[in-house]
Amino acid sequence: VTERPDQMTADSLKGIGVIVRNWNTFAKKNTVPDWPPAAREAFAAFVRSGGGFVGVHAGTSAFYDWPDAQKIFGATWANGKTRHNAPHTFLVTPEAVDHPLARGWKPFQTTDELWLDPGVHPDALVLAKADGQPVLVAGTFGKGRCTTVLMGHSAEFMRNPGFNSMLLRSVEWAATGTITGPDPAAAVNALRTWTHGQDRSPLMALEPMENTASPLAALLASDATADAKKFAIGQLAVKGTSAQVPALAALLPAPEFAAEAAGALGQIPGSESLAALRGAFAKAPPALAASILTALAPRRDA
């Protein structure tokens, strides 16, 4: 991480796969209003030779006199044309669905500052829009892959799971040219130590993620915090299948988790969940028995 990109050299970029840029020349107190020729050449040569580039929000608003930078950026604030409205909620939808960054990617809703009429380089491909405005572009510069995310006005807005996914996919594609997608097991593992009052990013990342049912069930038998386990139970109520029924049923004797586990079992379709609830009911204390009946009743289990 550096706040002095003007000191960039070819040597400083050795071993780097992708540059993520959230630096511009707009700040009134910016002590680095420009880059010297050596830094400009090091940056352009890095991308031209295969290095990746990702711009975030106003991180591409600079160097209007430098054609190479404008091509690398793909999208920027066009002086005298671009403007923005107040932060509001909008739907982000993919455009070029055949591109690796957009392939298999689902629309998402977020709250952010939306740029109106940004300058898009003629060689850049618009991959996503919101309210008809470009919010994600991609292109190439020599052997380098370049993408810019025009959202991300504040840390609060960046916590949106859809934005997280867009940024992570952009970095991975710029660095490697491929998209492997998030690792469900790693995402669930990040939840293990979570407690109420901490940053909710691990929770928000898991909610839209697929293929997490198995690692979530494994977390229930681990040394994860009680708050993490309760969140996992809630996720399994929506994502769980018969394969996760034993892990939830094992929590029915535990007073701390019994009510949540019964509720989750009631949401999972199939005979296995019904059998687990009936089996626990015979020896359940009154409070748990009530929770089990509440779970069984909507299923009309005779």
Protein backbone atom coordinates (compact mmCIF):
# COMPACT_ATOMS: atom_id res chain seq x y z
CA VAL A 1 0.00 0.00 0.00
CA THR A 2 1.34 3.43 -0.89
CA GLU A 3 0.13 7.01 -0.80
CA ARG A 4 3.08 8.08 -2.95
CA PRO A 5 2.45 6.50 -6.36
CA ASP A 6 4.62 9.21 -7.88
CA GLN A 7 7.59 7.27 -6.49
CA MET A 8 6.66 4.16 -8.47
CA THR A 9 9.51 2.42 -10.29
CA ALA A 10 9.90 -0.75 -12.30
CA ASP A 11 11.72 -2.34 -9.35
CA SER A 12 8.93 -1.45 -6.91
CA LEU A 13 6.44 -3.28 -9.13
CA LYS A 14 8.38 -6.54 -9.34
CA GLY A 15 6.35 -9.43 -7.98
CA ILE A 16 3.08 -7.46 -8.19
CA GLY A 17 0.18 -9.05 -10.06
CA VAL A 18 -2.35 -6.22 -10.09
CA ILE A 19 -2.52 -2.56 -9.08
CA VAL A 20 -5.73 -1.45 -7.32
CA ARG A 21 -5.97 2.31 -7.50
CA ASN A 22 -8.11 4.59 -5.35
CA TRP A 23 -5.96 7.72 -5.81
CA ASN A 24 -6.71 10.81 -7.87
CA THR A 25 -5.71 14.43 -8.31
CA PHE A 26 -9.00 15.93 -7.08
CA ALA A 27 -8.12 16.34 -3.40
CA LYS A 28 -7.49 19.98 -2.51
CA LYS A 29 -4.70 19.06 -0.11
CA ASN A 30 -3.11 16.57 -2.49
CA THR A 31 0.65 16.95 -2.17
CA VAL A 32 1.20 14.78 -5.26
CA PRO A 33 -0.65 16.60 -8.07
CA ASP A 34 1.16 14.70 -10.82
CA TRP A 35 3.57 11.86 -11.51
CA PRO A 36 7.03 12.40 -12.96
CA PRO A 37 7.85 10.78 -16.32
CA ALA A 38 9.65 7.86 -14.63
CA ALA A 39 6.57 6.89 -12.58
CA ARG A 40 4.29 7.23 -15.59
CA GLU A 41 6.51 5.00 -17.68
CA ALA A 42 6.84 2.40 -14.91
CA PHE A 43 3.04 2.26 -14.55
CA ALA A 44 2.34 2.00 -18.28
CA ALA A 45 5.09 -0.57 -18.81
CA PHE A 46 3.75 -2.67 -15.93
CA VAL A 47 0.28 -2.94 -17.48
CA ARG A 48 1.55 -3.20 -21.06
CA SER A 49 3.67 -6.21 -20.15
CA GLY A 50 0.78 -8.09 -18.52
CA GLY A 51 0.17 -6.51 -15.13
CA GLY A 52 -3.44 -6.03 -14.06
CA PHE A 53 -5.17 -2.77 -13.18
CA VAL A 54 -8.35 -2.07 -11.17
CA GLY A 55 -9.66 1.44 -10.58
CA VAL A 56 -12.15 2.15 -7.80
CA HIS A 57 -14.65 5.03 -7.90
CA ALA A 58 -12.71 8.27 -8.44
CA GLY A 59 -9.42 6.40 -8.61
CA THR A 60 -9.25 6.99 -12.36
CA SER A 61 -9.97 10.73 -12.29
CA ALA A 62 -6.57 12.00 -13.35
CA PHE A 63 -4.11 12.34 -16.22
CA TYR A 64 -6.47 13.72 -18.87
CA ASP A 65 -3.39 14.67 -20.91
CA TRP A 66 -2.05 11.09 -20.92
CA PRO A 67 -3.69 8.84 -23.58
CA ASP A 68 -2.14 5.63 -22.24
CA ALA A 69 -3.60 6.23 -18.78
CA GLN A 70 -7.04 7.00 -20.20
CA LYS A 71 -7.02 3.71 -22.11
CA ILE A 72 -5.86 1.80 -19.03
CA PHE A 73 -8.54 3.43 -16.87
CA GLY A 74 -11.38 2.69 -19.30
CA ALA A 75 -13.75 5.06 -17.48
CA THR A 76 -13.21 8.33 -15.66
CA TRP A 77 -14.80 11.58 -14.55
CA ALA A 78 -15.23 13.64 -17.75
CA ASN A 79 -14.71 17.29 -16.86
CA GLY A 80 -17.65 19.44 -17.89
CA LYS A 81 -19.84 16.39 -18.56
CA THR A 82 -19.87 13.93 -15.69
CA ARG A 83 -21.85 14.67 -12.54
CA HIS A 84 -23.39 12.65 -9.72
CA ASN A 85 -26.55 12.67 -7.68
CA ALA A 86 -26.97 12.00 -3.98
CA PRO A 87 -26.31 8.45 -2.75
CA HIS A 88 -29.41 6.33 -3.26
CA THR A 89 -30.47 2.71 -3.71
CA PHE A 90 -30.36 1.20 -7.20
CA LEU A 91 -30.13 -2.14 -9.01
CA VAL A 92 -26.86 -3.15 -10.69
CA THR A 93 -27.29 -5.43 -13.71
CA PRO A 94 -24.71 -7.17 -15.96
CA GLU A 95 -24.45 -6.11 -19.59
CA ALA A 96 -21.84 -8.13 -21.53
CA VAL A 97 -22.74 -11.54 -20.11
CA ASP A 98 -20.22 -13.35 -22.32
CA HIS A 99 -17.28 -11.65 -20.57
CA PRO A 100 -15.66 -13.63 -17.71
CA LEU A 101 -16.39 -10.80 -15.27
CA ALA A 102 -20.12 -10.84 -16.02
CA ARG A 103 -20.65 -14.53 -16.77
CA GLY A 104 -22.87 -16.16 -14.14
CA TRP A 105 -23.02 -12.95 -12.17
CA LYS A 106 -26.42 -11.95 -10.76
CA PRO A 107 -27.96 -8.46 -10.42
CA PHE A 108 -27.73 -6.94 -6.95
CA GLN A 109 -29.15 -3.94 -5.13
CA THR A 110 -26.90 -1.44 -3.42
CA THR A 111 -26.78 2.10 -2.07
CA ASP A 112 -23.97 4.26 -3.42
CA GLU A 113 -23.09 7.46 -5.27
CA LEU A 114 -23.92 6.92 -8.95
CA TRP A 115 -21.95 8.80 -11.60
CA LEU A 116 -23.98 10.23 -14.46
CA ASP A 117 -22.45 10.31 -17.97
CA PRO A 118 -18.94 9.16 -17.03
CA GLY A 119 -16.32 9.27 -19.74
CA VAL A 120 -15.93 5.76 -21.20
CA HIS A 121 -12.95 5.04 -23.45
CA PRO A 122 -14.02 3.85 -26.93
CA ASP A 123 -11.99 0.65 -26.49
CA ALA A 124 -13.57 -0.20 -23.11
CA LEU A 125 -16.42 -2.65 -22.72
CA VAL A 126 -19.29 -1.76 -20.36
CA LEU A 127 -19.95 -4.82 -18.20
CA ALA A 128 -22.58 -3.50 -15.78
CA LYS A 129 -25.01 -0.61 -15.51
CA ALA A 130 -27.29 0.95 -12.90
CA ASP A 131 -30.14 3.31 -13.85
CA GLY A 132 -28.75 3.17 -17.39
CA GLN A 133 -25.31 4.43 -16.27
CA PRO A 134 -22.03 2.44 -16.62
CA VAL A 135 -20.69 1.20 -13.29
CA LEU A 136 -18.17 -1.43 -14.43
CA VAL A 137 -15.93 -1.37 -17.51
CA ALA A 138 -13.11 -3.59 -18.72
CA GLY A 139 -10.49 -3.49 -21.41
CA THR A 140 -6.89 -4.30 -22.27
CA PHE A 141 -3.65 -2.38 -22.65
CA GLY A 142 -0.97 -4.38 -24.37
CA LYS A 143 -0.95 -7.70 -22.52
CA GLY A 144 -2.55 -6.19 -19.43
CA ARG A 145 -6.18 -6.58 -18.34
CA CYS A 146 -7.85 -3.45 -16.95
CA THR A 147 -11.13 -2.83 -15.19
CA THR A 148 -12.71 0.07 -13.31
CA VAL A 149 -15.53 -0.03 -10.76
CA LEU A 150 -17.21 3.38 -10.66
CA MET A 151 -18.98 2.64 -7.36
CA GLY A 152 -17.45 2.63 -3.87
CA HIS A 153 -17.90 6.20 -2.66
CA SER A 154 -17.50 5.22 1.01
CA ALA A 155 -16.43 2.29 3.15
CA GLU A 156 -20.07 1.83 4.17
CA PHE A 157 -21.16 1.39 0.56
CA MET A 158 -18.24 -0.97 -0.13
CA ARG A 159 -19.58 -3.42 2.48
CA ASN A 160 -22.42 -4.41 0.15
CA PRO A 161 -21.95 -8.11 -0.80
CA GLY A 162 -22.63 -7.36 -4.47
CA PHE A 163 -19.94 -4.68 -4.50
CA ASN A 164 -17.57 -7.05 -2.68
CA SER A 165 -18.12 -9.68 -5.35
CA MET A 166 -17.69 -7.19 -8.21
CA LEU A 167 -14.42 -5.85 -6.79
CA LEU A 168 -12.98 -9.27 -5.95
CA ARG A 169 -13.90 -10.65 -9.39
CA SER A 170 -12.36 -7.58 -11.02
CA VAL A 171 -9.09 -8.03 -9.16
CA GLU A 172 -8.93 -11.74 -9.90
CA TRP A 173 -9.65 -11.27 -13.60
CA ALA A 174 -7.17 -8.40 -13.93
CA ALA A 175 -4.49 -10.49 -12.22
CA THR A 176 -5.14 -13.88 -13.84
CA GLY A 177 -7.62 -13.58 -16.70
CA THR A 178 -9.95 -16.09 -15.04
CA ILE A 179 -12.68 -16.14 -12.39
CA THR A 180 -12.69 -19.00 -9.92
CA GLY A 181 -15.34 -17.48 -7.67
CA PRO A 182 -15.34 -17.31 -3.87
CA ASP A 183 -14.27 -20.27 -1.75
CA PRO A 184 -17.30 -21.27 0.36
CA ALA A 185 -15.17 -23.08 2.94
CA ALA A 186 -12.89 -20.08 3.40
CA ALA A 187 -15.89 -17.74 3.70
CA VAL A 188 -17.47 -19.92 6.39
CA ASN A 189 -14.14 -20.22 8.21
CA ALA A 190 -14.00 -16.42 8.40
CA LEU A 191 -17.23 -16.59 10.39
CA ARG A 192 -15.87 -18.84 13.16
CA THR A 193 -14.80 -16.12 15.60
CA TRP A 194 -17.57 -13.63 14.86
CA THR A 195 -19.61 -12.18 17.74
CA HIS A 196 -22.35 -9.55 17.90
CA GLY A 197 -20.98 -6.04 17.69
CA GLN A 198 -18.13 -6.91 15.33
CA ASP A 199 -17.91 -5.98 11.65
CA ARG A 200 -20.70 -7.80 9.78
CA SER A 201 -18.68 -8.26 6.58
CA PRO A 202 -18.26 -12.05 7.07
CA LEU A 203 -22.04 -12.38 7.44
CA MET A 204 -22.84 -10.19 4.47
CA ALA A 205 -20.39 -12.08 2.28
CA LEU A 206 -22.02 -15.42 3.11
CA GLU A 207 -25.66 -14.47 2.61
CA PRO A 208 -25.64 -14.39 -1.23
CA MET A 209 -23.01 -17.12 -1.62
CA GLU A 210 -23.94 -20.53 -2.95
CA ASN A 211 -22.56 -23.96 -1.99
CA THR A 212 -22.07 -23.03 1.67
CA ALA A 213 -24.47 -25.58 3.24
CA SER A 214 -21.85 -28.27 3.88
CA PRO A 215 -19.21 -25.99 5.48
CA LEU A 216 -21.94 -24.29 7.53
CA ALA A 217 -23.03 -27.67 8.88
CA ALA A 218 -19.42 -28.48 9.74
CA LEU A 219 -19.12 -25.19 11.61
CA LEU A 220 -21.95 -26.27 13.93
CA ALA A 221 -19.76 -29.06 15.29
CA SER A 222 -16.67 -26.86 15.64
CA ASP A 223 -15.39 -24.52 18.34
CA ALA A 224 -16.99 -21.52 16.60
CA THR A 225 -18.63 -18.85 18.72
CA ALA A 226 -22.27 -19.19 19.71
CA ASP A 227 -23.15 -16.13 17.62
CA ALA A 228 -21.44 -17.64 14.58
CA LYS A 229 -23.33 -20.90 15.04
CA LYS A 230 -26.68 -19.12 15.35
CA PHE A 231 -26.00 -17.26 12.13
CA ALA A 232 -25.04 -20.55 10.46
CA ILE A 233 -28.31 -22.12 11.65
CA GLY A 234 -30.24 -19.26 10.09
CA GLN A 235 -28.39 -19.73 6.81
CA LEU A 236 -29.13 -23.47 6.82
CA ALA A 237 -32.83 -22.75 7.25
CA VAL A 238 -32.65 -21.30 3.72
CA LYS A 239 -29.80 -23.25 2.11
CA GLY A 240 -29.90 -26.57 3.97
CA THR A 241 -30.95 -29.92 2.50
CA SER A 242 -31.46 -33.39 3.94
CA ALA A 243 -27.66 -33.71 4.06
CA GLN A 244 -27.50 -31.04 6.79
CA VAL A 245 -30.35 -32.43 8.90
CA PRO A 246 -28.08 -34.52 11.22
CA ALA A 247 -25.92 -31.48 12.06
CA LEU A 248 -28.98 -29.44 13.01
CA ALA A 249 -30.64 -32.32 14.87
CA ALA A 250 -27.49 -32.69 16.98
CA LEU A 251 -28.15 -29.21 18.39
CA LEU A 252 -31.70 -29.92 19.56
CA PRO A 253 -30.56 -31.11 23.02
CA ALA A 254 -28.54 -27.90 23.51
CA PRO A 255 -30.76 -25.24 25.16
CA GLU A 256 -28.70 -22.42 23.62
CA PHE A 257 -29.43 -23.55 20.05
CA ALA A 258 -32.52 -25.78 20.34
CA ALA A 259 -35.18 -23.29 19.26
CA GLU A 260 -33.15 -22.02 16.27
CA ALA A 261 -32.27 -25.57 15.20
CA ALA A 262 -35.90 -26.67 15.37
CA GLY A 263 -36.95 -23.69 13.31
CA ALA A 264 -34.31 -24.43 10.68
CA LEU A 265 -35.32 -28.08 10.47
CA GLY A 266 -38.90 -26.99 9.95
CA GLN A 267 -37.80 -24.98 6.88
CA ILE A 268 -35.86 -27.82 5.23
CA PRO A 269 -38.10 -29.89 2.95
CA GLY A 270 -38.15 -33.68 2.97
CA SER A 271 -38.96 -36.56 5.27
CA GLU A 272 -35.57 -36.47 7.00
CA SER A 273 -36.21 -33.14 8.72
CA LEU A 274 -39.68 -34.26 9.84
CA ALA A 275 -38.26 -37.47 11.28
CA ALA A 276 -35.60 -35.56 13.19
CA LEU A 277 -38.18 -33.25 14.74
CA ARG A 278 -40.54 -36.09 15.66
CA GLY A 279 -37.66 -38.06 17.21
CA ALA A 280 -36.64 -35.13 19.37
CA PHE A 281 -40.19 -34.31 20.43
CA ALA A 282 -40.66 -37.50 22.47
CA LYS A 283 -37.98 -36.52 24.98
CA ALA A 284 -38.04 -32.75 24.65
CA PRO A 285 -38.56 -30.43 27.64
CA PRO A 286 -41.64 -28.19 27.39
CA ALA A 287 -39.92 -25.18 25.82
CA LEU A 288 -38.28 -27.27 23.09
CA ALA A 289 -41.48 -29.27 22.57
CA ALA A 290 -43.29 -26.02 21.82
CA SER A 291 -40.59 -25.02 19.32
CA ILE A 292 -40.82 -28.40 17.61
CA LEU A 293 -44.61 -28.18 17.35
CA THR A 294 -44.25 -24.68 15.91
CA ALA A 295 -41.89 -26.10 13.28
CA LEU A 296 -44.03 -29.14 12.51
CA ALA A 297 -47.43 -27.44 12.32
CA PRO A 298 -46.93 -25.60 8.98
CA ARG A 299 -45.69 -28.87 7.48
CA ARG A 300 -49.00 -30.58 8.37
CA ASP A 301 -47.11 -33.59 9.65
CA ALA A 302 -49.74 -36.09 10.73
